[in-house]
C-alpha atoms as a PDB file:
ATOM      1  CA  MET A   1     -57.396  46.735 132.357  1.00  0.00           C
ATOM      2  CA  GLU A   2     -57.682  44.487 129.311  1.00  0.00           C
ATOM      3  CA  ALA A   3     -57.526  46.192 125.894  1.00  0.00           C
ATOM      4  CA  ALA A   4     -59.360  49.181 127.475  1.00  0.00           C
ATOM      5  CA  SER A   5     -56.078  50.475 128.802  1.00  0.00           C
ATOM      6  CA  ARG A   6     -55.647  52.332 125.445  1.00  0.00           C
ATOM      7  CA  ARG A   7     -59.091  53.813 125.486  1.00  0.00           C
ATOM      8  CA  HIS A   8     -59.884  57.571 125.816  1.00  0.00           C
ATOM      9  CA  ALA A   9     -62.189  58.661 128.736  1.00  0.00           C
ATOM     10  CA  LEU A  10     -63.614  62.153 129.000  1.00  0.00           C
ATOM     11  CA  VAL A  11     -64.960  63.321 132.390  1.00  0.00           C
ATOM     12  CA  THR A  12     -67.046  66.610 132.594  1.00  0.00           C
ATOM     13  CA  GLY A  13     -66.662  68.547 135.822  1.00  0.00           C
ATOM     14  CA  GLY A  14     -63.358  66.709 136.206  1.00  0.00           C
ATOM     15  CA  GLY A  15     -61.618  69.394 138.117  1.00  0.00           C
ATOM     16  CA  ARG A  16     -62.662  68.591 141.703  1.00  0.00           C
ATOM     17  CA  GLY A  17     -64.768  66.373 143.890  1.00  0.00           C
ATOM     18  CA  ILE A  18     -66.348  63.223 142.347  1.00  0.00           C
ATOM     19  CA  GLY A  19     -65.155  64.130 138.825  1.00  0.00           C
ATOM     20  CA  ARG A  20     -61.521  64.445 139.797  1.00  0.00           C
ATOM     21  CA  ALA A  21     -61.755  61.175 141.852  1.00  0.00           C
ATOM     22  CA  ILE A  22     -63.083  59.343 138.780  1.00  0.00           C
ATOM     23  CA  ALA A  23     -60.512  60.957 136.463  1.00  0.00           C
ATOM     24  CA  ALA A  24     -57.797  59.818 138.761  1.00  0.00           C
ATOM     25  CA  SER A  25     -59.259  56.266 139.040  1.00  0.00           C
ATOM     26  CA  LEU A  26     -59.508  55.940 135.225  1.00  0.00           C
ATOM     27  CA  ALA A  27     -55.986  57.316 134.719  1.00  0.00           C
ATOM     28  CA  ALA A  28     -54.673  54.787 137.259  1.00  0.00           C
ATOM     29  CA  LEU A  29     -56.100  52.098 134.952  1.00  0.00           C
ATOM     30  CA  GLY A  30     -53.998  53.248 132.205  1.00  0.00           C
ATOM     31  CA  LEU A  31     -56.694  55.075 130.197  1.00  0.00           C
ATOM     32  CA  LYS A  32     -56.088  58.468 128.485  1.00  0.00           C
ATOM     33  CA  VAL A  33     -58.138  60.814 130.309  1.00  0.00           C
ATOM     34  CA  SER A  34     -59.442  64.289 129.347  1.00  0.00           C
ATOM     35  CA  VAL A  35     -61.155  66.527 131.865  1.00  0.00           C
ATOM     36  CA  VAL A  36     -63.627  69.304 131.014  1.00  0.00           C
ATOM     37  CA  GLY A  37     -64.647  72.230 133.199  1.00  0.00           C
ATOM     38  CA  ARG A  38     -64.872  75.979 133.426  1.00  0.00           C
ATOM     39  CA  ASP A  39     -61.770  76.677 135.690  1.00  0.00           C
ATOM     40  CA  GLU A  40     -58.557  76.366 133.810  1.00  0.00           C
ATOM     41  CA  LYS A  41     -56.330  76.517 136.792  1.00  0.00           C
ATOM     42  CA  THR A  42     -58.203  73.777 138.519  1.00  0.00           C
ATOM     43  CA  LEU A  43     -58.128  71.555 135.371  1.00  0.00           C
ATOM     44  CA  GLU A  44     -54.381  72.126 134.971  1.00  0.00           C
ATOM     45  CA  ALA A  45     -53.705  71.061 138.379  1.00  0.00           C
ATOM     46  CA  VAL A  46     -55.499  67.645 137.698  1.00  0.00           C
ATOM     47  CA  VAL A  47     -53.192  67.222 134.767  1.00  0.00           C
ATOM     48  CA  ALA A  48     -50.008  68.274 136.723  1.00  0.00           C
ATOM     49  CA  ALA A  49     -50.916  65.703 139.353  1.00  0.00           C
ATOM     50  CA  GLY A  50     -51.110  62.907 136.606  1.00  0.00           C
ATOM     51  CA  ASP A  51     -54.799  62.436 137.111  1.00  0.00           C
ATOM     52  CA  ALA A  52     -55.496  63.360 133.485  1.00  0.00           C
ATOM     53  CA  GLN A  53     -53.600  63.895 130.356  1.00  0.00           C
ATOM     54  CA  ASN A  54     -55.645  66.687 128.775  1.00  0.00           C
ATOM     55  CA  ALA A  55     -57.539  69.719 130.151  1.00  0.00           C
ATOM     56  CA  ILE A  56     -60.269  71.391 128.222  1.00  0.00           C
ATOM     57  CA  VAL A  57     -61.842  74.575 129.425  1.00  0.00           C
ATOM     58  CA  ALA A  58     -65.614  74.792 128.395  1.00  0.00           C
ATOM     59  CA  ASP A  59     -69.052  75.459 129.783  1.00  0.00           C
ATOM     60  CA  VAL A  60     -71.048  72.380 128.888  1.00  0.00           C
ATOM     61  CA  THR A  61     -74.335  74.156 129.290  1.00  0.00           C
ATOM     62  CA  ASP A  62     -73.401  75.997 125.992  1.00  0.00           C
ATOM     63  CA  ARG A  63     -74.281  74.121 122.863  1.00  0.00           C
ATOM     64  CA  ASP A  64     -71.445  75.562 120.744  1.00  0.00           C
ATOM     65  CA  ALA A  65     -68.913  75.164 123.526  1.00  0.00           C
ATOM     66  CA  VAL A  66     -69.764  71.466 123.781  1.00  0.00           C
ATOM     67  CA  ARG A  67     -69.115  70.902 120.065  1.00  0.00           C
ATOM     68  CA  ASP A  68     -65.727  72.764 120.300  1.00  0.00           C
ATOM     69  CA  ALA A  69     -64.766  70.830 123.510  1.00  0.00           C
ATOM     70  CA  ILE A  70     -65.396  67.405 121.914  1.00  0.00           C
ATOM     71  CA  ALA A  71     -63.576  68.406 118.847  1.00  0.00           C
ATOM     72  CA  ARG A  72     -60.451  69.371 120.948  1.00  0.00           C
ATOM     73  CA  ALA A  73     -60.707  66.236 122.912  1.00  0.00           C
ATOM     74  CA  GLU A  74     -60.880  63.997 119.916  1.00  0.00           C
ATOM     75  CA  ARG A  75     -58.028  65.563 117.960  1.00  0.00           C
ATOM     76  CA  ASP A  76     -55.783  62.627 118.812  1.00  0.00           C
ATOM     77  CA  SER A  77     -58.192  59.842 119.723  1.00  0.00           C
ATOM     78  CA  GLU A  78     -61.950  59.505 119.906  1.00  0.00           C
ATOM     79  CA  VAL A  79     -63.822  59.367 123.124  1.00  0.00           C
ATOM     80  CA  ASP A  80     -64.578  55.732 124.135  1.00  0.00           C
ATOM     81  CA  ILE A  81     -65.725  56.473 127.674  1.00  0.00           C
ATOM     82  CA  LEU A  82     -67.873  59.272 128.738  1.00  0.00           C
ATOM     83  CA  VAL A  83     -68.512  60.381 132.463  1.00  0.00           C
ATOM     84  CA  ASN A  84     -71.124  63.117 132.646  1.00  0.00           C
ATOM     85  CA  ASN A  85     -70.270  64.539 136.048  1.00  0.00           C
ATOM     86  CA  VAL A  86     -71.200  68.143 135.739  1.00  0.00           C
ATOM     87  CA  GLY A  87     -73.986  69.186 138.107  1.00  0.00           C
ATOM     88  CA  GLY A  88     -75.163  71.596 140.696  1.00  0.00           C
ATOM     89  CA  VAL A  89     -78.074  72.435 142.851  1.00  0.00           C
ATOM     90  CA  GLU A  90     -80.191  75.472 143.658  1.00  0.00           C
ATOM     91  CA  THR A  91     -82.432  75.265 146.510  1.00  0.00           C
ATOM     92  CA  GLY A  92     -85.446  76.946 148.061  1.00  0.00           C
ATOM     93  CA  PRO A  93     -89.194  76.675 148.590  1.00  0.00           C
ATOM     94  CA  PHE A  94     -90.903  75.724 145.308  1.00  0.00           C
ATOM     95  CA  LEU A  95     -92.944  78.994 145.247  1.00  0.00           C
ATOM     96  CA  ARG A  96     -89.759  80.919 145.302  1.00  0.00           C
ATOM     97  CA  LEU A  97     -88.150  78.931 142.506  1.00  0.00           C
ATOM     98  CA  ASP A  98     -89.159  80.739 139.199  1.00  0.00           C
ATOM     99  CA  ASP A  99     -88.777  79.409 135.801  1.00  0.00           C
ATOM    100  CA  ASP A 100     -85.169  80.669 135.448  1.00  0.00           C
ATOM    101  CA  VAL A 101     -84.108  78.321 138.302  1.00  0.00           C
ATOM    102  CA  PHE A 102     -85.769  75.295 136.649  1.00  0.00           C
ATOM    103  CA  GLU A 103     -84.228  76.299 133.242  1.00  0.00           C
ATOM    104  CA  ARG A 104     -80.722  76.636 134.813  1.00  0.00           C
ATOM    105  CA  GLN A 105     -81.107  73.326 136.626  1.00  0.00           C
ATOM    106  CA  LEU A 106     -82.294  71.455 133.553  1.00  0.00           C
ATOM    107  CA  ALA A 107     -79.483  72.964 131.429  1.00  0.00           C
ATOM    108  CA  LEU A 108     -76.712  72.148 133.896  1.00  0.00           C
ATOM    109  CA  ASN A 109     -77.872  68.736 135.129  1.00  0.00           C
ATOM    110  CA  LEU A 110     -79.862  67.351 132.132  1.00  0.00           C
ATOM    111  CA  LEU A 111     -79.106  69.085 128.877  1.00  0.00           C
ATOM    112  CA  SER A 112     -75.351  69.076 129.365  1.00  0.00           C
ATOM    113  CA  THR A 113     -75.494  65.366 129.728  1.00  0.00           C
ATOM    114  CA  VAL A 114     -77.683  65.060 126.552  1.00  0.00           C
ATOM    115  CA  ARG A 115     -75.479  67.207 124.452  1.00  0.00           C
ATOM    116  CA  VAL A 116     -72.107  65.779 125.387  1.00  0.00           C
ATOM    117  CA  THR A 117     -73.559  62.272 124.983  1.00  0.00           C
ATOM    118  CA  ARG A 118     -74.913  63.150 121.440  1.00  0.00           C
ATOM    119  CA  ALA A 119     -71.530  64.447 120.520  1.00  0.00           C
ATOM    120  CA  VAL A 120     -69.553  61.330 121.251  1.00  0.00           C
ATOM    121  CA  LEU A 121     -72.119  58.553 120.795  1.00  0.00           C
ATOM    122  CA  PRO A 122     -71.911  58.060 117.026  1.00  0.00           C
ATOM    123  CA  GLY A 123     -68.228  57.215 117.221  1.00  0.00           C
ATOM    124  CA  MET A 124     -68.872  54.814 120.000  1.00  0.00           C
ATOM    125  CA  VAL A 125     -71.582  53.076 117.926  1.00  0.00           C
ATOM    126  CA  GLU A 126     -69.368  52.946 114.920  1.00  0.00           C
ATOM    127  CA  ARG A 127     -66.530  51.239 116.809  1.00  0.00           C
ATOM    128  CA  GLY A 128     -68.896  48.901 118.682  1.00  0.00           C
ATOM    129  CA  PHE A 129     -67.747  49.959 122.107  1.00  0.00           C
ATOM    130  CA  GLY A 130     -68.660  52.703 124.433  1.00  0.00           C
ATOM    131  CA  ARG A 131     -69.319  53.485 128.035  1.00  0.00           C
ATOM    132  CA  VAL A 132     -71.584  56.263 129.137  1.00  0.00           C
ATOM    133  CA  ILE A 133     -71.758  56.955 132.881  1.00  0.00           C
ATOM    134  CA  ASN A 134     -74.044  59.710 134.112  1.00  0.00           C
ATOM    135  CA  ILE A 135     -73.450  61.005 137.621  1.00  0.00           C
ATOM    136  CA  ALA A 136     -77.011  61.436 138.961  1.00  0.00           C
ATOM    137  CA  SER A 137     -77.908  61.602 142.619  1.00  0.00           C
ATOM    138  CA  THR A 138     -80.062  59.993 145.170  1.00  0.00           C
ATOM    139  CA  ALA A 139     -82.243  62.954 144.161  1.00  0.00           C
ATOM    140  CA  GLY A 140     -82.973  60.962 141.065  1.00  0.00           C
ATOM    141  CA  LEU A 141     -84.265  58.039 143.211  1.00  0.00           C
ATOM    142  CA  LYS A 142     -86.179  59.914 145.855  1.00  0.00           C
ATOM    143  CA  ALA A 143     -87.321  63.354 146.681  1.00  0.00           C
ATOM    144  CA  TYR A 144     -85.934  66.082 148.939  1.00  0.00           C
ATOM    145  CA  PRO A 145     -87.829  69.190 150.044  1.00  0.00           C
ATOM    146  CA  TYR A 146     -86.665  72.615 148.847  1.00  0.00           C
ATOM    147  CA  ALA A 147     -84.866  71.096 145.858  1.00  0.00           C
ATOM    148  CA  SER A 148     -87.714  70.621 143.459  1.00  0.00           C
ATOM    149  CA  ALA A 149     -85.733  71.839 140.362  1.00  0.00           C
ATOM    150  CA  TYR A 150     -82.718  69.620 141.125  1.00  0.00           C
ATOM    151  CA  VAL A 151     -84.875  66.694 142.008  1.00  0.00           C
ATOM    152  CA  ALA A 152     -86.807  67.040 138.685  1.00  0.00           C
ATOM    153  CA  ALA A 153     -83.575  67.364 136.715  1.00  0.00           C
ATOM    154  CA  LYS A 154     -81.900  64.335 138.285  1.00  0.00           C
ATOM    155  CA  HIS A 155     -85.022  62.209 137.706  1.00  0.00           C
ATOM    156  CA  ALA A 156     -84.901  63.228 134.088  1.00  0.00           C
ATOM    157  CA  VAL A 157     -81.197  62.127 133.996  1.00  0.00           C
ATOM    158  CA  LEU A 158     -82.226  58.696 135.055  1.00  0.00           C
ATOM    159  CA  GLY A 159     -85.105  58.509 132.407  1.00  0.00           C
ATOM    160  CA  PHE A 160     -82.621  59.532 129.768  1.00  0.00           C
ATOM    161  CA  THR A 161     -80.131  56.957 131.063  1.00  0.00           C
ATOM    162  CA  ARG A 162     -82.677  54.114 130.924  1.00  0.00           C
ATOM    163  CA  ALA A 163     -84.100  55.024 127.603  1.00  0.00           C
ATOM    164  CA  LEU A 164     -80.753  55.416 125.897  1.00  0.00           C
ATOM    165  CA  ALA A 165     -79.559  52.117 127.372  1.00  0.00           C
ATOM    166  CA  LEU A 166     -82.394  50.260 125.698  1.00  0.00           C
ATOM    167  CA  GLU A 167     -81.634  51.924 122.295  1.00  0.00           C
ATOM    168  CA  MET A 168     -77.920  51.088 122.587  1.00  0.00           C
ATOM    169  CA  ALA A 169     -78.461  47.530 123.904  1.00  0.00           C
ATOM    170  CA  LYS A 170     -77.094  45.745 120.839  1.00  0.00           C
ATOM    171  CA  SER A 171     -74.524  48.456 119.900  1.00  0.00           C
ATOM    172  CA  GLY A 172     -71.692  47.546 122.371  1.00  0.00           C
ATOM    173  CA  VAL A 173     -72.396  50.813 124.219  1.00  0.00           C
ATOM    174  CA  THR A 174     -73.686  50.647 127.810  1.00  0.00           C
ATOM    175  CA  VAL A 175     -75.383  53.503 129.525  1.00  0.00           C
ATOM    176  CA  ASN A 176     -75.570  53.721 133.333  1.00  0.00           C
ATOM    177  CA  ALA A 177     -76.103  56.156 136.219  1.00  0.00           C
ATOM    178  CA  ILE A 178     -74.349  56.373 139.637  1.00  0.00           C
ATOM    179  CA  CYS A 179     -76.433  57.937 142.272  1.00  0.00           C
ATOM    180  CA  PRO A 180     -74.301  59.198 145.178  1.00  0.00           C
ATOM    181  CA  GLY A 181     -75.748  60.362 148.396  1.00  0.00           C
ATOM    182  CA  TYR A 182     -74.269  63.352 150.244  1.00  0.00           C
ATOM    183  CA  THR A 183     -70.686  63.265 149.334  1.00  0.00           C
ATOM    184  CA  ASP A 184     -67.560  64.933 150.773  1.00  0.00           C
ATOM    185  CA  THR A 185     -67.230  67.529 148.045  1.00  0.00           C
ATOM    186  CA  ASP A 186     -66.972  71.264 147.601  1.00  0.00           C
ATOM    187  CA  LEU A 187     -70.543  71.212 146.547  1.00  0.00           C
ATOM    188  CA  VAL A 188     -71.845  69.761 149.772  1.00  0.00           C
ATOM    189  CA  ARG A 189     -69.498  72.034 151.798  1.00  0.00           C
ATOM    190  CA  SER A 190     -70.892  75.066 149.963  1.00  0.00           C
ATOM    191  CA  SER A 191     -74.468  73.791 150.820  1.00  0.00           C
ATOM    192  CA  VAL A 192     -73.568  73.359 154.490  1.00  0.00           C
ATOM    193  CA  GLU A 193     -72.322  77.032 154.528  1.00  0.00           C
ATOM    194  CA  ARG A 194     -75.347  78.347 152.688  1.00  0.00           C
ATOM    195  CA  ILE A 195     -77.834  76.412 154.994  1.00  0.00           C
ATOM    196  CA  GLY A 196     -75.979  77.532 158.007  1.00  0.00           C
ATOM    197  CA  ALA A 197     -75.974  81.174 156.868  1.00  0.00           C
ATOM    198  CA  LYS A 198     -79.750  81.093 156.313  1.00  0.00           C
ATOM    199  CA  SER A 199     -80.754  79.123 159.431  1.00  0.00           C
ATOM    200  CA  GLY A 200     -78.132  80.228 161.883  1.00  0.00           C
ATOM    201  CA  ALA A 201     -77.165  76.740 162.588  1.00  0.00           C
ATOM    202  CA  SER A 202     -73.529  75.639 163.046  1.00  0.00           C
ATOM    203  CA  ALA A 203     -71.739  73.812 160.228  1.00  0.00           C
ATOM    204  CA  LYS A 204     -71.443  70.791 162.550  1.00  0.00           C
ATOM    205  CA  ASP A 205     -75.263  70.817 163.114  1.00  0.00           C
ATOM    206  CA  VAL A 206     -76.075  71.173 159.462  1.00  0.00           C
ATOM    207  CA  LEU A 207     -73.618  68.363 158.565  1.00  0.00           C
ATOM    208  CA  ALA A 208     -75.139  66.123 161.254  1.00  0.00           C
ATOM    209  CA  LYS A 209     -78.571  66.715 159.753  1.00  0.00           C
ATOM    210  CA  LEU A 210     -77.395  65.832 156.255  1.00  0.00           C
ATOM    211  CA  THR A 211     -75.530  62.787 157.275  1.00  0.00           C
ATOM    212  CA  ALA A 212     -78.530  61.506 159.350  1.00  0.00           C
ATOM    213  CA  ALA A 213     -80.080  60.498 156.064  1.00  0.00           C
ATOM    214  CA  ASN A 214     -77.317  58.050 155.472  1.00  0.00           C
ATOM    215  CA  PRO A 215     -77.701  54.932 157.693  1.00  0.00           C
ATOM    216  CA  GLN A 216     -73.936  54.741 157.956  1.00  0.00           C
ATOM    217  CA  GLY A 217     -74.028  58.195 159.451  1.00  0.00           C
ATOM    218  CA  ARG A 218     -71.380  59.770 157.253  1.00  0.00           C
ATOM    219  CA  LEU A 219     -70.628  61.414 153.983  1.00  0.00           C
ATOM    220  CA  VAL A 220     -69.752  59.236 150.966  1.00  0.00           C
ATOM    221  CA  HIS A 221     -66.210  59.448 149.872  1.00  0.00           C
ATOM    222  CA  PRO A 222     -65.576  60.528 146.245  1.00  0.00           C
ATOM    223  CA  GLN A 223     -63.305  57.586 145.804  1.00  0.00           C
ATOM    224  CA  GLU A 224     -66.177  55.213 146.564  1.00  0.00           C
ATOM    225  CA  VAL A 225     -68.084  56.618 143.574  1.00  0.00           C
ATOM    226  CA  ALA A 226     -64.966  56.429 141.492  1.00  0.00           C
ATOM    227  CA  CYS A 227     -64.519  52.767 142.167  1.00  0.00           C
ATOM    228  CA  VAL A 228     -68.051  52.020 140.832  1.00  0.00           C
ATOM    229  CA  ALA A 229     -67.260  54.062 137.676  1.00  0.00           C
ATOM    230  CA  ALA A 230     -63.920  52.087 137.178  1.00  0.00           C
ATOM    231  CA  TRP A 231     -65.934  48.894 137.286  1.00  0.00           C
ATOM    232  CA  LEU A 232     -68.642  50.102 134.916  1.00  0.00           C
ATOM    233  CA  VAL A 233     -66.038  50.962 132.157  1.00  0.00           C
ATOM    234  CA  SER A 234     -64.502  47.541 132.262  1.00  0.00           C
ATOM    235  CA  GLU A 235     -65.381  44.584 130.039  1.00  0.00           C
ATOM    236  CA  ARG A 236     -66.559  42.819 133.199  1.00  0.00           C
ATOM    237  CA  ALA A 237     -69.546  45.056 133.303  1.00  0.00           C
ATOM    238  CA  ALA A 238     -70.519  44.586 129.687  1.00  0.00           C
ATOM    239  CA  SER A 239     -73.969  43.258 130.567  1.00  0.00           C
ATOM    240  CA  VAL A 240     -74.754  46.035 133.016  1.00  0.00           C
ATOM    241  CA  THR A 241     -76.675  48.802 131.244  1.00  0.00           C
ATOM    242  CA  GLY A 242     -79.647  50.933 132.143  1.00  0.00           C
ATOM    243  CA  GLN A 243     -78.946  50.784 135.839  1.00  0.00           C
ATOM    244  CA  ALA A 244     -79.049  53.484 138.526  1.00  0.00           C
ATOM    245  CA  ILE A 245     -76.396  52.391 141.094  1.00  0.00           C
ATOM    246  CA  ALA A 246     -76.811  54.051 144.446  1.00  0.00           C
ATOM    247  CA  VAL A 247     -73.754  54.803 146.570  1.00  0.00           C
ATOM    248  CA  ASP A 248     -75.465  56.200 149.656  1.00  0.00           C
ATOM    249  CA  GLY A 249     -74.770  53.937 152.654  1.00  0.00           C
ATOM    250  CA  GLY A 250     -78.263  52.474 152.383  1.00  0.00           C
ATOM    251  CA  GLU A 251     -80.194  55.746 152.196  1.00  0.00           C
ATOM    252  CA  THR A 252     -82.486  54.616 149.255  1.00  0.00           C
ATOM    253  CA  VAL A 253     -82.948  51.014 150.446  1.00  0.00           C
ATOM    254  CA  SER A 254     -86.640  50.147 150.081  1.00  0.00           C
END
């Protein structure tokens, strides 16, 4: 992968699911990859498998933890490529979602992205090269019922992506978002179990309802998202910035 093979990529939420698939994809290109997350054992397994070189345990919703994590990641080499993958969803009818839910969703899905980006961006600008990839969701492109806090947070991630991309347009730093549909991850499997427990529906029926939104009638594979990320970090995508790229089987086609 051109000169970028010597660059350093940091992936938050890199221990499993989409984050791990992206870490593995970038490592396969020859980049140095650091993965950040809260579960040390999971992160160490990523390193042991060769899908990353460095594991950093941190809660990226904590301002001080973010500063410490970036300092540890950049001891040997500064971060050139950032993948903000951390995220999660809390669901329920709007009238049952109190301020605490909205604050947690904004902290996890938006503010973590803002803080980690702020920590690594100055170095990218100084070196004249950087790639910021925010893993958003189709929930940033459309609405889903019973997920108002999550939808609001993911829409905000896209607004942040677009605004920062314009600010960085002449700096050599690109800023893009990838918006996966329902993906075959632990997060979706947990959602299926939770919905089934509340509704009494079988896991098979819940999954069928979720995949019905995808015209291809299936879950997205994490590797499909990772392939888009691998392209976005390359020199060939240098003119691609401020974009929200849907990987959703056609769900958000308008």
